[in-house]
Amino acid sequence: MRLTPALLLLLLLACVSSFAAENRKNVLLLVSDDCGTRMGTYGGPALTPNIDALAREGVRFDRAYCQYALCNPSRTSFLTGLRPDTTRVYDNATEFRKVIPDIVTMPEMFKNNGYAVARIGKLYHYGVPKEIGTNGLDDPKSWGQVWNPRGRDCDDEDKIFSIGVSAGSAAGKGKMGEVLVGTGNYGGTLSWLAADGDDSEQTDGKIAAQAINYLQTKRDTPFFLAVGFFRPHTPYVSPKKYFDLYPKNKLEIVPDPTADRASKPQVALSNTAVANYGMTEDTQRTAKQAYLASMSFMDAQFGLVLAELKKQGLDKNTLVIFISDHGYNLGEHGLWQKRSLYEDSTRVPLIIRDPGMKTSGQSTKRVTELLDLYPTVADLCGLQPDKRIQGKSLRPLLEAPDRAWSDVAYTQVDFGAANRDASFAGGKQKNAPVRKVGRSVRTERYRYTEWNGGAGGIELYDHNTDPKELTNLAQDPAFAQISAELKATLAKGTN
């Protein structure tokens, strides 16, 4: 057979294409559920040696924020690259495909470009713990393969402790702040269990085991693997040894929040209407112990996956990202869990390790959003995202973490409940139901928040002098100009 110039060219192009495919980066996306920035690398009390090690090898983003402090809206946002006002997802039940059926999601982009794309555990929303082991609100178009592990934490639910709820509520069990066992109401309350057995029996242990099996699989194409751990989402279940890491008598709790809460708009405290759910200080310490134990347990599973990545020699060509869907309150302002617009609920961990990067071990204080993840991963892998995405590639910050950066972060919540307080309604619609909609903008120095466009209250905090957001400066004449400027900036984020 004679090799003509045209045939030689085709063979050369085929070789180049094959070489390019073999050298494309893999992607390992690790997501923790309800995990605030309390790990050691962020200066927090949680013992997280594996996450800390990843930060030493990558770039840690110190001011990264979610777009909505609730699971489904946030996960939908960072996986589609769209803001909640575009996806119209404001709760844990809405499916984004019913609003934007043709959006190409982040994992779908990789699937369309010849990657092996797989999900293990929670990426899109699951109801926790009842939907563990199911597909939850998954998006089938996003994945090539899926696994939904289920562990003994689901079988041990009758042993789980949970704080009581007010008499007359839907659950109808217990008094506010009372500790009960086996209530069956765990996903939305503070619940915990120092479990018998070892890590491998728990759902997150099974998720790690499946990820290890996947990484051991030989393949001819690059992969995009998304691993979604359930912890530290309530119920805070982990083996007893992790509870032992945090003696209760050494745990600090937030001081009496009465004065702090009195200075804030009442609607801003809606997710924990009774301060600390009425818990005693001892119960608060127990809940914090359980949460931190779950973080350390999750970190151990995280470490197993990264160890296997290295064992297989895949770390040299795999982009590794660690995030959580939003932050978490542990008593700050008397608040617990999520759905607030304060720092602990909106700030998220974000660590990116890009093979061959020259900025390993550095951090950046520039303000970023989870919305930026999709365009960043696309940029680093040389792929074209859906043209409608609204984030911005963080590659410039990975290359120079201290470079000038003018972005801000927008976060919102919508409690979706009626409020008949005339003061909240601005006195205009007395006795009329009013939605509790909050929108916040974070700059490197300030956080500015409006409730119902300002009618329900305005908040301004100076993080240079008040990192715990205790002093609301919104009505201080000295900050009138700052408030006006940030009001205009916030309006841009709603357009």
Protein backbone atom coordinates (compact mmCIF):
# COMPACT_ATOMS: atom_id res chain seq x y z
CA MET A 1 0.00 0.00 0.00
CA ARG A 2 1.42 3.32 -1.07
CA LEU A 3 1.34 6.11 1.55
CA THR A 4 0.19 9.19 -0.27
CA PRO A 5 0.77 12.67 1.26
CA ALA A 6 -2.94 12.86 2.12
CA LEU A 7 -2.86 9.49 3.90
CA LEU A 8 0.29 10.45 5.78
CA LEU A 9 -1.42 13.62 6.94
CA LEU A 10 -4.43 11.67 8.19
CA LEU A 11 -2.20 9.24 10.08
CA LEU A 12 -0.29 12.13 11.62
CA LEU A 13 -3.50 13.85 12.70
CA ALA A 14 -4.77 10.60 14.20
CA CYS A 15 -1.55 10.21 16.19
CA VAL A 16 -1.73 13.80 17.41
CA SER A 17 -5.38 13.36 18.37
CA SER A 18 -4.60 10.13 20.24
CA PHE A 19 -1.70 11.79 22.07
CA ALA A 20 -3.86 14.76 23.01
CA ALA A 21 -6.62 12.48 24.34
CA GLU A 22 -4.13 10.49 26.42
CA ASN A 23 -2.69 13.66 27.92
CA ARG A 24 -5.90 15.46 28.77
CA LYS A 25 -6.30 16.15 32.46
CA ASN A 26 -8.53 13.99 34.58
CA VAL A 27 -10.78 15.75 37.08
CA LEU A 28 -11.57 14.64 40.63
CA LEU A 29 -14.27 16.77 42.26
CA LEU A 30 -14.70 16.12 45.98
CA VAL A 31 -17.77 17.65 47.62
CA SER A 32 -18.65 17.67 51.31
CA ASP A 33 -22.19 18.35 52.50
CA ASP A 34 -22.92 21.26 54.90
CA CYS A 35 -19.22 21.74 55.60
CA GLY A 36 -18.13 25.15 56.85
CA THR A 37 -14.57 26.46 56.82
CA ARG A 38 -13.70 24.91 60.19
CA MET A 39 -10.87 22.64 59.03
CA GLY A 40 -7.33 23.18 60.25
CA THR A 41 -6.06 24.80 57.06
CA TYR A 42 -8.67 27.54 57.51
CA GLY A 43 -7.68 28.07 61.14
CA GLY A 44 -10.64 26.12 62.50
CA PRO A 45 -10.86 23.53 65.29
CA ALA A 46 -11.62 20.49 63.11
CA LEU A 47 -8.87 17.90 62.76
CA THR A 48 -8.69 17.44 58.99
CA PRO A 49 -5.15 16.33 58.07
CA ASN A 50 -6.04 15.18 54.56
CA ILE A 51 -7.83 18.36 53.51
CA ASP A 52 -4.99 20.35 55.06
CA ALA A 53 -2.48 18.34 53.00
CA LEU A 54 -4.39 19.08 49.79
CA ALA A 55 -4.26 22.79 50.63
CA ARG A 56 -0.46 22.55 50.96
CA GLU A 57 -0.32 21.12 47.44
CA GLY A 58 -2.87 23.44 45.85
CA VAL A 59 -4.29 26.93 46.18
CA ARG A 60 -6.69 27.66 49.04
CA PHE A 61 -9.40 30.26 48.43
CA ASP A 62 -10.02 32.09 51.71
CA ARG A 63 -13.00 34.14 50.56
CA ALA A 64 -15.12 31.80 48.48
CA TYR A 65 -18.91 32.02 48.83
CA CYS A 66 -21.96 30.02 47.82
CA GLN A 67 -24.78 31.62 45.84
CA TYR A 68 -27.53 30.19 48.04
CA ALA A 69 -27.09 28.82 51.55
CA LEU A 70 -29.18 25.68 50.96
CA CYS A 71 -28.27 22.37 49.31
CA ASN A 72 -30.37 22.11 46.14
CA PRO A 73 -30.13 25.76 45.00
CA SER A 74 -26.37 25.86 45.65
CA ARG A 75 -25.58 22.54 43.98
CA THR A 76 -27.73 23.42 41.00
CA SER A 77 -25.88 26.73 40.73
CA PHE A 78 -22.31 25.45 40.75
CA LEU A 79 -23.07 22.46 38.52
CA THR A 80 -24.88 24.58 35.90
CA GLY A 81 -22.79 27.75 36.28
CA LEU A 82 -26.00 29.78 36.71
CA ARG A 83 -27.30 31.97 39.51
CA PRO A 84 -30.41 30.90 41.45
CA ASP A 85 -32.45 33.69 39.85
CA THR A 86 -31.66 32.09 36.49
CA THR A 87 -32.27 28.45 37.47
CA ARG A 88 -35.33 29.48 39.55
CA VAL A 89 -34.28 26.91 42.14
CA TYR A 90 -34.88 28.33 45.62
CA ASP A 91 -35.78 25.20 47.60
CA ASN A 92 -34.87 21.53 47.95
CA ALA A 93 -37.64 20.23 45.68
CA THR A 94 -37.35 22.11 42.37
CA GLU A 95 -35.68 20.43 39.36
CA PHE A 96 -33.68 22.85 37.21
CA ARG A 97 -34.34 20.96 33.93
CA LYS A 98 -37.98 22.03 34.14
CA VAL A 99 -36.79 25.63 33.82
CA ILE A 100 -33.69 25.29 31.63
CA PRO A 101 -33.98 21.88 29.94
CA ASP A 102 -31.09 22.32 27.51
CA ILE A 103 -28.36 23.73 29.77
CA VAL A 104 -25.07 21.82 29.44
CA THR A 105 -23.94 21.15 33.00
CA MET A 106 -20.32 20.95 34.10
CA PRO A 107 -20.13 17.13 34.10
CA GLU A 108 -22.19 16.98 30.91
CA MET A 109 -19.58 19.18 29.21
CA PHE A 110 -16.95 16.56 29.98
CA LYS A 111 -19.20 13.73 28.81
CA ASN A 112 -19.76 15.58 25.52
CA ASN A 113 -16.00 15.79 25.08
CA GLY A 114 -15.25 12.10 25.37
CA TYR A 115 -14.53 11.83 29.08
CA ALA A 116 -15.64 8.93 31.24
CA VAL A 117 -17.98 10.78 33.63
CA ALA A 118 -19.11 9.25 36.91
CA ARG A 119 -20.87 10.25 40.12
CA ILE A 120 -20.57 8.53 43.50
CA GLY A 121 -22.81 9.78 46.30
CA LYS A 122 -24.40 13.22 46.58
CA LEU A 123 -23.73 15.81 43.87
CA TYR A 124 -27.19 17.04 42.96
CA HIS A 125 -29.58 17.22 45.88
CA TYR A 126 -30.57 14.29 48.08
CA GLY A 127 -32.87 14.47 51.05
CA VAL A 128 -30.66 13.41 53.96
CA PRO A 129 -30.93 10.84 55.41
CA LYS A 130 -34.13 9.42 53.86
CA GLU A 131 -32.93 9.51 50.24
CA ILE A 132 -29.45 8.08 50.86
CA GLY A 133 -29.08 5.08 48.55
CA THR A 134 -31.37 6.57 45.89
CA ASN A 135 -30.82 8.96 42.99
CA GLY A 136 -32.47 11.83 44.85
CA LEU A 137 -32.88 14.83 42.53
CA ASP A 138 -30.12 13.63 40.25
CA ASP A 139 -29.69 14.78 36.65
CA PRO A 140 -29.23 11.68 34.44
CA LYS A 141 -27.94 13.76 31.50
CA SER A 142 -24.89 14.77 33.51
CA TRP A 143 -23.36 11.33 34.06
CA GLY A 144 -22.22 8.19 32.31
CA GLN A 145 -22.14 6.07 35.47
CA VAL A 146 -23.65 6.56 38.95
CA TRP A 147 -23.41 4.80 42.31
CA ASN A 148 -25.61 5.43 45.36
CA PRO A 149 -23.99 3.71 48.36
CA ARG A 150 -25.98 3.22 51.55
CA GLY A 151 -24.42 2.43 54.93
CA ARG A 152 -25.35 1.37 58.42
CA ASP A 153 -25.95 5.00 59.42
CA CYS A 154 -29.30 4.58 57.66
CA ASP A 155 -30.03 1.33 59.53
CA ASP A 156 -29.09 2.82 62.92
CA GLU A 157 -31.59 5.67 62.75
CA ASP A 158 -33.55 4.41 65.75
CA LYS A 159 -30.41 5.06 67.86
CA ILE A 160 -29.86 8.64 66.72
CA PHE A 161 -30.19 11.49 69.22
CA SER A 162 -32.04 14.61 68.10
CA ILE A 163 -32.95 17.84 69.82
CA GLY A 164 -36.65 18.18 70.49
CA VAL A 165 -39.04 20.40 68.61
CA SER A 166 -41.85 22.56 69.88
CA ALA A 167 -45.02 20.81 70.93
CA GLY A 168 -47.67 21.12 68.26
CA SER A 169 -45.17 21.01 65.40
CA ALA A 170 -45.34 18.51 62.56
CA ALA A 171 -43.23 16.03 64.49
CA GLY A 172 -45.16 16.73 67.68
CA LYS A 173 -42.42 15.30 69.89
CA GLY A 174 -40.55 16.91 72.73
CA LYS A 175 -39.89 20.43 73.93
CA MET A 176 -37.58 22.87 72.20
CA GLY A 177 -33.99 21.96 73.02
CA GLU A 178 -34.82 18.62 74.68
CA VAL A 179 -32.64 15.68 73.60
CA LEU A 180 -34.62 12.72 72.28
CA VAL A 181 -33.78 9.37 70.69
CA GLY A 182 -35.31 7.82 67.58
CA THR A 183 -37.61 10.68 66.64
CA GLY A 184 -37.34 9.97 62.92
CA ASN A 185 -36.85 13.69 62.28
CA TYR A 186 -33.14 14.08 61.48
CA GLY A 187 -32.48 15.90 58.23
CA GLY A 188 -33.59 19.32 59.45
CA THR A 189 -32.71 19.10 63.15
CA LEU A 190 -29.49 18.79 65.10
CA SER A 191 -29.06 15.02 65.35
CA TRP A 192 -26.08 12.82 66.15
CA LEU A 193 -24.77 9.35 66.92
CA ALA A 194 -21.39 8.05 68.05
CA ALA A 195 -21.72 4.90 65.99
CA ASP A 196 -20.56 1.36 66.56
CA GLY A 197 -18.51 -0.34 63.87
CA ASP A 198 -15.81 1.02 61.62
CA ASP A 199 -15.57 3.60 58.85
CA SER A 200 -16.19 1.15 56.03
CA GLU A 201 -19.73 0.41 57.26
CA GLN A 202 -20.87 4.03 57.02
CA THR A 203 -22.27 5.55 53.84
CA ASP A 204 -19.27 7.84 53.36
CA GLY A 205 -16.95 4.87 53.89
CA LYS A 206 -18.77 3.00 51.14
CA ILE A 207 -18.56 6.06 48.91
CA ALA A 208 -14.79 6.17 49.41
CA ALA A 209 -14.51 2.44 48.68
CA GLN A 210 -16.44 2.84 45.42
CA ALA A 211 -14.23 5.78 44.42
CA ILE A 212 -11.15 3.65 45.08
CA ASN A 213 -12.58 0.88 42.90
CA TYR A 214 -13.23 3.40 40.14
CA LEU A 215 -9.69 4.78 40.28
CA GLN A 216 -8.32 1.25 39.99
CA THR A 217 -10.20 0.70 36.74
CA LYS A 218 -8.03 0.77 33.64
CA ARG A 219 -9.34 3.07 30.94
CA ASP A 220 -8.34 4.53 27.60
CA THR A 221 -10.07 7.87 28.08
CA PRO A 222 -9.66 10.64 30.66
CA PHE A 223 -12.18 10.76 33.49
CA PHE A 224 -14.31 13.25 35.39
CA LEU A 225 -15.13 11.69 38.76
CA ALA A 226 -17.42 13.50 41.21
CA VAL A 227 -17.43 12.13 44.76
CA GLY A 228 -20.09 13.53 47.07
CA PHE A 229 -19.73 12.80 50.78
CA PHE A 230 -22.79 13.19 53.04
CA ARG A 231 -21.01 14.28 56.19
CA PRO A 232 -20.99 16.46 58.16
CA HIS A 233 -24.67 16.97 57.19
CA THR A 234 -27.03 16.20 60.07
CA PRO A 235 -27.52 13.60 61.43
CA TYR A 236 -23.89 13.88 62.54
CA VAL A 237 -23.09 10.17 62.49
CA SER A 238 -19.54 8.85 62.68
CA PRO A 239 -17.71 6.06 64.53
CA LYS A 240 -17.04 6.70 68.20
CA LYS A 241 -13.30 7.23 67.75
CA TYR A 242 -13.97 10.54 65.99
CA PHE A 243 -16.04 11.82 68.91
CA ASP A 244 -13.10 11.01 71.18
CA LEU A 245 -10.99 13.55 69.26
CA TYR A 246 -13.08 16.38 70.74
CA PRO A 247 -13.48 16.27 74.53
CA LYS A 248 -16.60 18.29 75.31
CA ASN A 249 -15.01 20.21 78.16
CA LYS A 250 -12.46 21.66 75.74
CA LEU A 251 -14.94 22.86 73.15
CA GLU A 252 -15.75 26.56 73.01
CA ILE A 253 -19.29 27.70 72.34
CA VAL A 254 -20.50 31.11 71.22
CA PRO A 255 -21.26 33.46 74.14
CA ASP A 256 -24.83 34.45 74.96
CA PRO A 257 -26.15 35.90 71.67
CA THR A 258 -29.02 37.92 73.18
CA ALA A 259 -27.51 41.36 72.56
CA ASP A 260 -26.21 40.35 69.13
CA ARG A 261 -29.63 39.08 68.00
CA ALA A 262 -31.39 42.19 69.31
CA SER A 263 -29.31 44.32 66.96
CA LYS A 264 -30.32 42.37 63.85
CA PRO A 265 -33.47 42.31 61.71
CA GLN A 266 -35.71 39.56 63.06
CA VAL A 267 -36.09 38.02 59.61
CA ALA A 268 -32.32 37.47 59.43
CA LEU A 269 -32.65 35.01 62.32
CA SER A 270 -35.49 33.00 60.76
CA ASN A 271 -33.64 29.71 60.44
CA THR A 272 -33.23 29.50 64.24
CA ALA A 273 -36.10 31.61 65.56
CA VAL A 274 -35.37 30.56 69.15
CA ALA A 275 -31.71 31.24 69.94
CA ASN A 276 -29.70 28.01 69.87
CA TYR A 277 -32.99 26.11 69.61
CA GLY A 278 -33.26 26.53 73.38
CA MET A 279 -30.39 24.12 73.99
CA THR A 280 -28.42 24.13 77.20
CA GLU A 281 -24.70 24.90 76.95
CA ASP A 282 -23.94 21.23 77.50
CA THR A 283 -26.18 20.20 74.60
CA GLN A 284 -24.58 22.84 72.40
CA ARG A 285 -21.17 21.34 73.15
CA THR A 286 -22.47 17.87 72.36
CA ALA A 287 -23.86 19.03 69.02
CA LYS A 288 -20.60 20.80 68.17
CA GLN A 289 -18.60 17.72 69.17
CA ALA A 290 -20.74 15.57 66.88
CA TYR A 291 -20.41 17.99 63.96
CA LEU A 292 -16.62 18.20 64.25
CA ALA A 293 -16.42 14.42 64.63
CA SER A 294 -18.34 14.05 61.36
CA MET A 295 -15.91 16.45 59.67
CA SER A 296 -12.93 14.40 60.79
CA PHE A 297 -14.65 11.19 59.67
CA MET A 298 -15.37 12.73 56.25
CA ASP A 299 -11.74 13.90 56.04
CA ALA A 300 -10.52 10.35 56.65
CA GLN A 301 -12.59 9.05 53.71
CA PHE A 302 -11.38 11.99 51.63
CA GLY A 303 -7.82 10.90 52.41
CA LEU A 304 -8.43 7.34 51.26
CA VAL A 305 -9.56 8.56 47.85
CA LEU A 306 -6.55 10.87 47.42
CA ALA A 307 -4.18 8.12 48.56
CA GLU A 308 -5.55 5.79 45.87
CA LEU A 309 -5.25 8.53 43.25
CA LYS A 310 -1.56 8.81 44.11
CA LYS A 311 -1.07 5.03 44.34
CA GLN A 312 -2.36 4.66 40.79
CA GLY A 313 -0.05 7.43 39.57
CA LEU A 314 -3.07 9.48 38.51
CA ASP A 315 -2.26 12.47 40.71
CA LYS A 316 0.31 13.67 38.18
CA ASN A 317 -2.41 14.36 35.62
CA THR A 318 -5.54 14.94 37.68
CA LEU A 319 -7.09 18.27 38.60
CA VAL A 320 -8.38 17.93 42.18
CA ILE A 321 -11.02 20.26 43.63
CA PHE A 322 -12.53 20.27 47.11
CA ILE A 323 -15.65 22.28 47.96
CA SER A 324 -18.76 22.25 50.09
CA ASP A 325 -22.19 23.35 48.92
CA HIS A 326 -22.43 26.09 51.58
CA GLY A 327 -21.21 26.96 55.05
CA TYR A 328 -22.72 26.17 58.43
CA ASN A 329 -23.62 27.90 61.68
CA LEU A 330 -22.64 26.39 65.02
CA GLY A 331 -24.20 28.92 67.36
CA GLU A 332 -22.98 32.16 65.78
CA HIS A 333 -25.72 34.76 66.39
CA GLY A 334 -27.64 31.93 68.08
CA LEU A 335 -28.03 30.31 64.64
CA TRP A 336 -27.44 26.67 63.71
CA GLN A 337 -27.25 24.90 60.35
CA LYS A 338 -27.58 26.92 57.11
CA ARG A 339 -29.94 29.36 55.34
CA SER A 340 -28.53 32.50 56.86
CA LEU A 341 -26.68 35.36 55.18
CA TYR A 342 -23.85 35.65 57.67
CA GLU A 343 -20.24 34.66 57.07
CA ASP A 344 -20.32 31.20 58.65
CA SER A 345 -23.26 30.11 56.50
CA THR A 346 -22.22 31.67 53.18
CA ARG A 347 -18.45 31.08 53.17
CA VAL A 348 -17.27 27.77 51.75
CA PRO A 349 -14.01 25.84 51.52
CA LEU A 350 -12.50 25.87 48.02
CA ILE A 351 -9.16 24.22 47.29
CA ILE A 352 -7.82 23.56 43.78
CA ARG A 353 -4.75 21.51 42.95
CA ASP A 354 -3.71 21.71 39.31
CA PRO A 355 -0.87 19.35 38.26
CA GLY A 356 2.35 21.26 37.66
CA MET A 357 1.08 24.50 39.20
CA LYS A 358 3.79 26.81 40.52
CA THR A 359 1.69 28.29 43.32
CA SER A 360 1.33 25.16 45.45
CA GLY A 361 0.70 25.89 49.10
CA GLN A 362 -0.41 29.46 48.54
CA SER A 363 -3.76 31.05 49.36
CA THR A 364 -5.75 33.95 48.01
CA LYS A 365 -7.93 36.43 49.86
CA ARG A 366 -9.67 37.57 46.69
CA VAL A 367 -13.46 37.20 46.72
CA THR A 368 -14.71 34.31 44.61
CA GLU A 369 -17.95 32.38 44.11
CA LEU A 370 -18.85 28.71 43.71
CA LEU A 371 -20.39 29.91 40.46
CA ASP A 372 -16.81 30.30 39.20
CA LEU A 373 -16.04 26.60 39.49
CA TYR A 374 -17.56 25.54 36.15
CA PRO A 375 -15.70 28.08 33.97
CA THR A 376 -12.48 27.47 35.94
CA VAL A 377 -12.52 23.71 35.39
CA ALA A 378 -13.41 24.19 31.73
CA ASP A 379 -10.55 26.66 31.29
CA LEU A 380 -7.99 24.42 32.99
CA CYS A 381 -9.04 21.46 30.85
CA GLY A 382 -9.22 23.37 27.56
CA LEU A 383 -12.97 22.87 27.09
CA GLN A 384 -15.77 25.24 26.11
CA PRO A 385 -18.57 25.57 28.69
CA ASP A 386 -22.17 26.42 27.90
CA LYS A 387 -22.21 30.04 26.68
CA ARG A 388 -24.92 30.96 29.17
CA ILE A 389 -22.87 30.37 32.33
CA GLN A 390 -22.47 33.36 34.60
CA GLY A 391 -19.25 32.68 36.49
CA LYS A 392 -15.65 33.62 35.80
CA SER A 393 -12.52 31.47 35.46
CA LEU A 394 -10.27 31.59 38.51
CA ARG A 395 -7.21 30.56 36.52
CA PRO A 396 -5.59 34.02 36.93
CA LEU A 397 -5.74 33.59 40.72
CA LEU A 398 -4.30 30.09 40.50
CA GLU A 399 -1.37 31.56 38.61
CA ALA A 400 -0.97 34.63 40.85
CA PRO A 401 -3.07 34.43 44.06
CA ASP A 402 -2.31 38.03 45.08
CA ARG A 403 -3.15 39.66 41.75
CA ALA A 404 -5.66 42.49 41.59
CA TRP A 405 -9.22 41.18 41.50
CA SER A 406 -12.39 43.24 41.58
CA ASP A 407 -15.07 40.59 41.85
CA VAL A 408 -17.69 40.42 44.62
CA ALA A 409 -19.85 37.51 45.78
CA TYR A 410 -23.66 37.37 45.83
CA THR A 411 -25.62 35.08 48.13
CA GLN A 412 -29.36 34.89 48.67
CA VAL A 413 -32.02 33.01 50.63
CA ASP A 414 -35.80 32.86 50.46
CA PHE A 415 -37.60 31.50 53.48
CA GLY A 416 -40.82 31.40 51.49
CA ALA A 417 -42.97 31.98 54.56
CA ALA A 418 -45.64 34.54 55.40
CA ASN A 419 -44.76 37.26 57.87
CA ARG A 420 -47.50 39.48 59.20
CA ASP A 421 -45.27 41.84 61.15
CA ALA A 422 -46.12 45.37 60.00
CA SER A 423 -42.61 46.54 60.80
CA PHE A 424 -41.16 43.91 58.49
CA ALA A 425 -43.61 44.91 55.77
CA GLY A 426 -42.54 48.49 56.14
CA GLY A 427 -45.97 49.35 57.52
CA LYS A 428 -47.44 49.25 54.01
CA GLN A 429 -49.21 45.90 54.00
CA LYS A 430 -50.32 45.26 57.52
CA ASN A 431 -51.66 41.72 57.99
CA ALA A 432 -50.63 40.80 54.42
CA PRO A 433 -48.29 37.82 53.92
CA VAL A 434 -44.76 38.84 52.99
CA ARG A 435 -41.94 36.63 51.72
CA LYS A 436 -38.66 36.62 53.62
CA VAL A 437 -36.17 37.24 50.82
CA GLY A 438 -32.61 38.15 51.69
CA ARG A 439 -29.82 39.19 49.32
CA SER A 440 -26.23 39.82 50.32
CA VAL A 441 -23.08 41.06 48.61
CA ARG A 442 -19.59 40.38 49.98
CA THR A 443 -16.53 42.44 49.07
CA GLU A 444 -13.05 41.95 50.50
CA ARG A 445 -13.94 44.33 53.32
CA TYR A 446 -17.71 44.54 53.70
CA ARG A 447 -20.89 42.49 53.76
CA TYR A 448 -24.08 44.33 52.81
CA THR A 449 -27.49 42.63 53.09
CA GLU A 450 -31.07 43.64 52.30
CA TRP A 451 -34.23 41.85 53.35
CA ASN A 452 -37.16 42.30 50.98
CA GLY A 453 -35.33 45.04 49.13
CA GLY A 454 -34.58 46.83 52.39
CA ALA A 455 -38.15 46.94 53.70
CA GLY A 456 -37.38 44.08 56.06
CA GLY A 457 -34.07 45.44 57.23
CA ILE A 458 -30.57 46.35 56.06
CA GLU A 459 -27.25 45.11 57.42
CA LEU A 460 -23.67 46.30 56.90
CA TYR A 461 -20.59 44.76 58.50
CA ASP A 462 -16.96 45.87 58.28
CA HIS A 463 -14.80 42.75 58.27
CA ASN A 464 -11.64 44.73 58.91
CA THR A 465 -12.87 45.57 62.40
CA ASP A 466 -15.75 43.15 62.94
CA PRO A 467 -15.07 39.70 61.42
CA LYS A 468 -17.80 38.10 63.55
CA GLU A 469 -20.44 40.49 62.17
CA LEU A 470 -21.65 41.72 65.54
CA THR A 471 -22.02 45.45 64.81
CA ASN A 472 -24.55 46.49 62.17
CA LEU A 473 -23.35 49.74 60.59
CA ALA A 474 -26.24 50.19 58.16
CA GLN A 475 -27.70 53.13 60.09
CA ASP A 476 -24.36 54.71 60.98
CA PRO A 477 -24.06 58.09 59.15
CA ALA A 478 -20.32 57.57 58.84
CA PHE A 479 -21.00 54.60 56.54
CA ALA A 480 -23.84 56.12 54.52
CA GLN A 481 -21.73 56.42 51.37
CA ILE A 482 -20.47 52.85 51.68
CA SER A 483 -24.02 51.60 52.13
CA ALA A 484 -25.18 53.52 49.05
CA GLU A 485 -22.35 52.12 46.93
CA LEU A 486 -22.97 48.56 48.10
CA LYS A 487 -26.70 48.92 47.53
CA ALA A 488 -25.94 49.73 43.90
CA THR A 489 -23.51 46.79 43.72
CA LEU A 490 -26.13 44.44 45.16
CA ALA A 491 -28.64 45.60 42.56
CA LYS A 492 -26.25 44.53 39.81
CA GLY A 493 -26.32 41.00 41.15
CA THR A 494 -30.07 40.74 40.72
CA ASN A 495 -30.08 41.75 37.06
